[in-house]
C-alpha atoms as a PDB file:
ATOM      1  CA  MET A   1     105.624-126.983-120.406  1.00  0.00           C
ATOM      2  CA  VAL A   2     107.781-126.373-123.380  1.00  0.00           C
ATOM      3  CA  TYR A   3     105.213-124.304-124.995  1.00  0.00           C
ATOM      4  CA  LYS A   4     105.252-122.008-121.979  1.00  0.00           C
ATOM      5  CA  LEU A   5     108.807-121.330-122.304  1.00  0.00           C
ATOM      6  CA  ILE A   6     108.889-120.649-125.883  1.00  0.00           C
ATOM      7  CA  PHE A   7     106.207-118.149-125.354  1.00  0.00           C
ATOM      8  CA  ILE A   8     107.876-116.327-122.785  1.00  0.00           C
ATOM      9  CA  SER A   9     110.648-116.618-124.673  1.00  0.00           C
ATOM     10  CA  ILE A  10     108.715-114.725-127.678  1.00  0.00           C
ATOM     11  CA  ILE A  11     107.365-112.321-125.463  1.00  0.00           C
ATOM     12  CA  SER A  12     110.785-111.087-123.964  1.00  0.00           C
ATOM     13  CA  VAL A  13     112.219-110.786-127.517  1.00  0.00           C
ATOM     14  CA  LEU A  14     109.304-108.759-128.691  1.00  0.00           C
ATOM     15  CA  VAL A  15     109.370-106.415-125.165  1.00  0.00           C
ATOM     16  CA  VAL A  16     113.400-106.214-126.134  1.00  0.00           C
ATOM     17  CA  SER A  17     113.136-105.573-129.878  1.00  0.00           C
ATOM     18  CA  SER A  18     110.417-103.115-129.505  1.00  0.00           C
ATOM     19  CA  CYS A  19     112.477-101.031-126.819  1.00  0.00           C
ATOM     20  CA  ASN A  20     115.390-100.990-129.186  1.00  0.00           C
ATOM     21  CA  GLY A  21     113.991 -98.640-131.329  1.00  0.00           C
ATOM     22  CA  LEU A  22     113.579 -96.274-128.665  1.00  0.00           C
ATOM     23  CA  PRO A  23     116.209 -93.528-128.259  1.00  0.00           C
ATOM     24  CA  GLU A  24     118.348 -94.302-125.094  1.00  0.00           C
ATOM     25  CA  VAL A  25     117.610 -92.130-122.197  1.00  0.00           C
ATOM     26  CA  THR A  26     120.472 -91.407-119.825  1.00  0.00           C
ATOM     27  CA  PRO A  27     120.251 -89.399-116.741  1.00  0.00           C
ATOM     28  CA  THR A  28     122.396 -86.053-116.640  1.00  0.00           C
ATOM     29  CA  LEU A  29     122.769 -83.474-114.194  1.00  0.00           C
ATOM     30  CA  GLU A  30     123.824 -80.026-115.128  1.00  0.00           C
ATOM     31  CA  ALA A  31     125.548 -77.480-113.327  1.00  0.00           C
ATOM     32  CA  GLN A  32     123.054 -74.509-113.028  1.00  0.00           C
ATOM     33  CA  SER A  33     123.930 -71.078-111.478  1.00  0.00           C
ATOM     34  CA  THR A  34     121.774 -69.204-109.723  1.00  0.00           C
ATOM     35  CA  ASP A  35     121.379 -65.770-108.416  1.00  0.00           C
ATOM     36  CA  VAL A  36     118.925 -66.211-105.867  1.00  0.00           C
ATOM     37  CA  GLN A  37     119.693 -65.155-102.486  1.00  0.00           C
ATOM     38  CA  GLU A  38     118.280 -67.234 -99.294  1.00  0.00           C
ATOM     39  CA  THR A  39     116.863 -64.380 -97.547  1.00  0.00           C
ATOM     40  CA  ASN A  40     114.957 -66.339 -94.649  1.00  0.00           C
ATOM     41  CA  SER A  41     117.961 -68.390 -93.381  1.00  0.00           C
ATOM     42  CA  PRO A  42     119.729 -67.310 -90.284  1.00  0.00           C
ATOM     43  CA  GLN A  43     123.143 -66.868 -91.828  1.00  0.00           C
ATOM     44  CA  SER A  44     121.909 -64.536 -94.024  1.00  0.00           C
ATOM     45  CA  ILE A  45     119.930 -62.307 -91.543  1.00  0.00           C
ATOM     46  CA  ASN A  46     122.797 -61.922 -89.375  1.00  0.00           C
ATOM     47  CA  ALA A  47     125.240 -61.126 -92.492  1.00  0.00           C
ATOM     48  CA  GLU A  48     122.909 -58.049 -92.975  1.00  0.00           C
ATOM     49  CA  GLU A  49     124.603 -54.864 -92.916  1.00  0.00           C
ATOM     50  CA  GLU A  50     123.857 -52.788 -89.472  1.00  0.00           C
ATOM     51  CA  TYR A  51     121.098 -50.397 -90.483  1.00  0.00           C
ATOM     52  CA  LEU A  52     122.235 -46.885 -90.808  1.00  0.00           C
ATOM     53  CA  PHE A  53     119.829 -44.200 -89.002  1.00  0.00           C
ATOM     54  CA  LYS A  54     119.902 -40.751 -90.176  1.00  0.00           C
ATOM     55  CA  THR A  55     121.651 -38.144 -88.004  1.00  0.00           C
ATOM     56  CA  SER A  56     120.986 -34.735 -86.488  1.00  0.00           C
ATOM     57  CA  GLU A  57     122.324 -31.673 -87.460  1.00  0.00           C
ATOM     58  CA  PRO A  58     124.711 -29.772 -85.389  1.00  0.00           C
ATOM     59  CA  GLY A  59     122.865 -28.336 -82.323  1.00  0.00           C
ATOM     60  CA  PHE A  60     120.237 -30.494 -82.313  1.00  0.00           C
ATOM     61  CA  PHE A  61     119.306 -33.686 -80.429  1.00  0.00           C
ATOM     62  CA  THR A  62     119.180 -37.077 -81.370  1.00  0.00           C
ATOM     63  CA  ILE A  63     116.632 -39.427 -79.265  1.00  0.00           C
ATOM     64  CA  SER A  64     116.800 -43.061 -79.559  1.00  0.00           C
ATOM     65  CA  GLY A  65     115.073 -46.297 -78.287  1.00  0.00           C
ATOM     66  CA  ILE A  66     113.273 -49.781 -78.880  1.00  0.00           C
ATOM     67  CA  LEU A  67     109.870 -50.175 -79.381  1.00  0.00           C
ATOM     68  CA  THR A  68     108.264 -53.568 -77.849  1.00  0.00           C
ATOM     69  CA  LEU A  69     104.720 -54.506 -79.273  1.00  0.00           C
ATOM     70  CA  MET A  70     102.936 -56.135 -76.385  1.00  0.00           C
ATOM     71  CA  ASP A  71     100.086 -57.470 -78.455  1.00  0.00           C
ATOM     72  CA  PRO A  72     100.646 -56.687 -82.248  1.00  0.00           C
ATOM     73  CA  MET A  73      97.025 -57.863 -82.923  1.00  0.00           C
ATOM     74  CA  LEU A  74      95.754 -55.208 -80.827  1.00  0.00           C
ATOM     75  CA  VAL A  75      98.383 -52.129 -81.701  1.00  0.00           C
ATOM     76  CA  LEU A  76     100.340 -52.420 -84.915  1.00  0.00           C
ATOM     77  CA  PRO A  77     102.111 -49.408 -86.181  1.00  0.00           C
ATOM     78  CA  THR A  78     101.114 -47.886 -89.534  1.00  0.00           C
ATOM     79  CA  GLY A  79     103.213 -49.525 -92.164  1.00  0.00           C
ATOM     80  CA  ASP A  80     105.140 -46.384 -92.314  1.00  0.00           C
ATOM     81  CA  ASP A  81     106.726 -46.533 -88.934  1.00  0.00           C
ATOM     82  CA  GLY A  82     104.025 -44.666 -87.143  1.00  0.00           C
ATOM     83  CA  ILE A  83     106.358 -43.733 -84.130  1.00  0.00           C
ATOM     84  CA  TYR A  84     105.894 -39.979 -83.508  1.00  0.00           C
ATOM     85  CA  LEU A  85     107.370 -37.520 -81.020  1.00  0.00           C
ATOM     86  CA  VAL A  86     104.454 -35.098 -79.910  1.00  0.00           C
ATOM     87  CA  PRO A  87     105.647 -31.767 -77.869  1.00  0.00           C
ATOM     88  CA  ILE A  88     103.817 -31.194 -74.542  1.00  0.00           C
ATOM     89  CA  ASP A  89     103.029 -27.890 -73.693  1.00  0.00           C
ATOM     90  CA  GLU A  90     105.071 -27.357 -70.283  1.00  0.00           C
ATOM     91  CA  GLN A  91     102.858 -24.901 -69.198  1.00  0.00           C
ATOM     92  CA  SER A  92      99.551 -26.812 -69.003  1.00  0.00           C
ATOM     93  CA  GLY A  93     100.944 -28.347 -65.812  1.00  0.00           C
ATOM     94  CA  SER A  94      99.249 -31.609 -66.926  1.00  0.00           C
ATOM     95  CA  LEU A  95     100.645 -34.597 -68.095  1.00  0.00           C
ATOM     96  CA  SER A  96      98.065 -36.973 -67.902  1.00  0.00           C
ATOM     97  CA  THR A  97      96.791 -36.135 -71.270  1.00  0.00           C
ATOM     98  CA  ILE A  98      98.895 -36.270 -74.691  1.00  0.00           C
ATOM     99  CA  PRO A  99      97.755 -34.000 -77.415  1.00  0.00           C
ATOM    100  CA  GLN A 100      96.309 -35.244 -80.862  1.00  0.00           C
ATOM    101  CA  PHE A 101      98.443 -34.450 -83.743  1.00  0.00           C
ATOM    102  CA  GLU A 102      98.379 -34.749 -87.446  1.00  0.00           C
ATOM    103  CA  GLU A 103     100.872 -36.575 -89.271  1.00  0.00           C
ATOM    104  CA  GLY A 104     103.625 -34.245 -90.866  1.00  0.00           C
ATOM    105  CA  THR A 105     103.489 -31.761 -87.841  1.00  0.00           C
ATOM    106  CA  VAL A 106     105.372 -33.273 -85.609  1.00  0.00           C
ATOM    107  CA  PRO A 107     108.541 -35.426 -85.696  1.00  0.00           C
ATOM    108  CA  GLN A 108     108.248 -39.213 -87.228  1.00  0.00           C
ATOM    109  CA  ALA A 109     110.931 -42.008 -86.007  1.00  0.00           C
ATOM    110  CA  ASP A 110     113.382 -43.663 -88.454  1.00  0.00           C
ATOM    111  CA  VAL A 111     112.654 -47.018 -87.693  1.00  0.00           C
ATOM    112  CA  ASP A 112     115.048 -50.749 -88.094  1.00  0.00           C
ATOM    113  CA  GLU A 113     112.110 -53.013 -88.998  1.00  0.00           C
ATOM    114  CA  ARG A 114     113.941 -55.583 -87.925  1.00  0.00           C
ATOM    115  CA  THR A 115     114.725 -54.495 -84.110  1.00  0.00           C
ATOM    116  CA  PHE A 116     112.139 -52.069 -83.706  1.00  0.00           C
ATOM    117  CA  GLU A 117     114.751 -49.732 -82.975  1.00  0.00           C
ATOM    118  CA  PHE A 118     113.931 -46.301 -83.552  1.00  0.00           C
ATOM    119  CA  VAL A 119     115.539 -42.709 -83.749  1.00  0.00           C
ATOM    120  CA  PHE A 120     114.267 -39.279 -83.739  1.00  0.00           C
ATOM    121  CA  THR A 121     116.657 -36.451 -85.213  1.00  0.00           C
ATOM    122  CA  ASN A 122     116.899 -32.984 -85.162  1.00  0.00           C
ATOM    123  CA  ILE A 123     114.758 -32.744 -81.519  1.00  0.00           C
ATOM    124  CA  GLU A 124     114.786 -29.235 -79.919  1.00  0.00           C
ATOM    125  CA  PRO A 125     114.822 -28.746 -76.401  1.00  0.00           C
ATOM    126  CA  GLY A 126     111.091 -29.229 -74.664  1.00  0.00           C
ATOM    127  CA  GLN A 127     108.892 -31.654 -73.332  1.00  0.00           C
ATOM    128  CA  TYR A 128     108.025 -34.889 -75.208  1.00  0.00           C
ATOM    129  CA  ALA A 129     105.673 -37.668 -75.266  1.00  0.00           C
ATOM    130  CA  VAL A 130     106.089 -40.809 -77.860  1.00  0.00           C
ATOM    131  CA  VAL A 131     103.017 -41.576 -79.555  1.00  0.00           C
ATOM    132  CA  VAL A 132     102.521 -44.758 -81.915  1.00  0.00           C
ATOM    133  CA  LEU A 133      99.734 -44.475 -84.592  1.00  0.00           C
ATOM    134  CA  SER A 134      98.335 -47.564 -85.371  1.00  0.00           C
ATOM    135  CA  ARG A 135      96.932 -49.247 -88.230  1.00  0.00           C
ATOM    136  CA  ASN A 136      93.215 -48.944 -86.689  1.00  0.00           C
ATOM    137  CA  GLY A 137      93.719 -45.443 -86.515  1.00  0.00           C
ATOM    138  CA  PRO A 138      93.807 -44.607 -82.827  1.00  0.00           C
ATOM    139  CA  GLN A 139      96.889 -42.756 -81.612  1.00  0.00           C
ATOM    140  CA  VAL A 140      98.374 -44.852 -78.725  1.00  0.00           C
ATOM    141  CA  PRO A 141     100.974 -43.195 -76.203  1.00  0.00           C
ATOM    142  CA  ALA A 142     103.924 -45.308 -75.438  1.00  0.00           C
ATOM    143  CA  ARG A 143     105.187 -46.250 -72.251  1.00  0.00           C
ATOM    144  CA  PHE A 144     108.104 -46.848 -70.482  1.00  0.00           C
ATOM    145  CA  LEU A 145     108.649 -51.062 -70.463  1.00  0.00           C
ATOM    146  CA  GLU A 146     110.377 -50.765 -66.765  1.00  0.00           C
ATOM    147  CA  ASN A 147     107.706 -48.617 -64.669  1.00  0.00           C
ATOM    148  CA  GLU A 148     104.610 -48.820 -67.733  1.00  0.00           C
ATOM    149  CA  SER A 149     104.607 -44.960 -67.380  1.00  0.00           C
ATOM    150  CA  LEU A 150     103.847 -42.741 -70.236  1.00  0.00           C
ATOM    151  CA  ALA A 151     107.034 -42.010 -71.869  1.00  0.00           C
ATOM    152  CA  ILE A 152     107.173 -38.555 -71.347  1.00  0.00           C
ATOM    153  CA  PHE A 153     110.524 -37.020 -71.120  1.00  0.00           C
ATOM    154  CA  THR A 154     111.887 -33.328 -70.928  1.00  0.00           C
ATOM    155  CA  ILE A 155     115.250 -32.130 -73.031  1.00  0.00           C
ATOM    156  CA  GLU A 156     116.977 -29.474 -71.576  1.00  0.00           C
ATOM    157  CA  ASP A 157     119.592 -27.285 -73.825  1.00  0.00           C
ATOM    158  CA  THR A 158     122.221 -27.952 -71.355  1.00  0.00           C
ATOM    159  CA  ASP A 159     121.882 -31.634 -71.740  1.00  0.00           C
ATOM    160  CA  ASP A 160     124.972 -33.281 -72.926  1.00  0.00           C
ATOM    161  CA  PRO A 161     125.561 -35.788 -74.885  1.00  0.00           C
ATOM    162  CA  ARG A 162     123.040 -34.571 -77.575  1.00  0.00           C
ATOM    163  CA  GLU A 163     122.394 -38.093 -78.097  1.00  0.00           C
ATOM    164  CA  ILE A 164     120.059 -39.531 -75.315  1.00  0.00           C
ATOM    165  CA  ASP A 165     118.675 -43.234 -75.185  1.00  0.00           C
ATOM    166  CA  ILE A 166     115.507 -43.426 -73.521  1.00  0.00           C
ATOM    167  CA  GLY A 167     115.331 -47.058 -73.267  1.00  0.00           C
ATOM    168  CA  ASN A 168     112.493 -49.472 -74.009  1.00  0.00           C
ATOM    169  CA  LEU A 169     109.105 -48.523 -74.762  1.00  0.00           C
ATOM    170  CA  MET A 170     105.783 -50.682 -75.116  1.00  0.00           C
ATOM    171  CA  VAL A 171     102.708 -50.204 -76.437  1.00  0.00           C
ATOM    172  CA  PRO A 172      99.784 -50.735 -75.528  1.00  0.00           C
END
């Protein structure tokens, strides 16, 4: 028994003495400044500034609304905010078909990506349809959310004010 105590004492002394040669490690906490902004927190989203839409020149109309994607897997606008205002020939007498268009030939909306609010600026009087150019290629006519009819409307030169809210639209 005495030998066991001596043996344990010797081992303990060796362990302690071997540790004395090691540098002492003490945990330290340093204050670090970071310039990282939290972009996914609710506070930062609410703190964002209001989106500033383009404005129309005097004498032209501004058309605004909100787009709702009913099935983003089926119809998703192109990455460059593919919401367009397509003129409709009032003389044709048919509102059942919306003419195809080429990008750059019809007004394109300015879109707030956070809310899907959109605005068309510098619009002249006439009859128009809202069309979404989807990532898959097809041109999809938007519909009014409240009654699901095609988003077709007419602007008269006598309309006042010159800012017209066409409401909530949906695709498909």
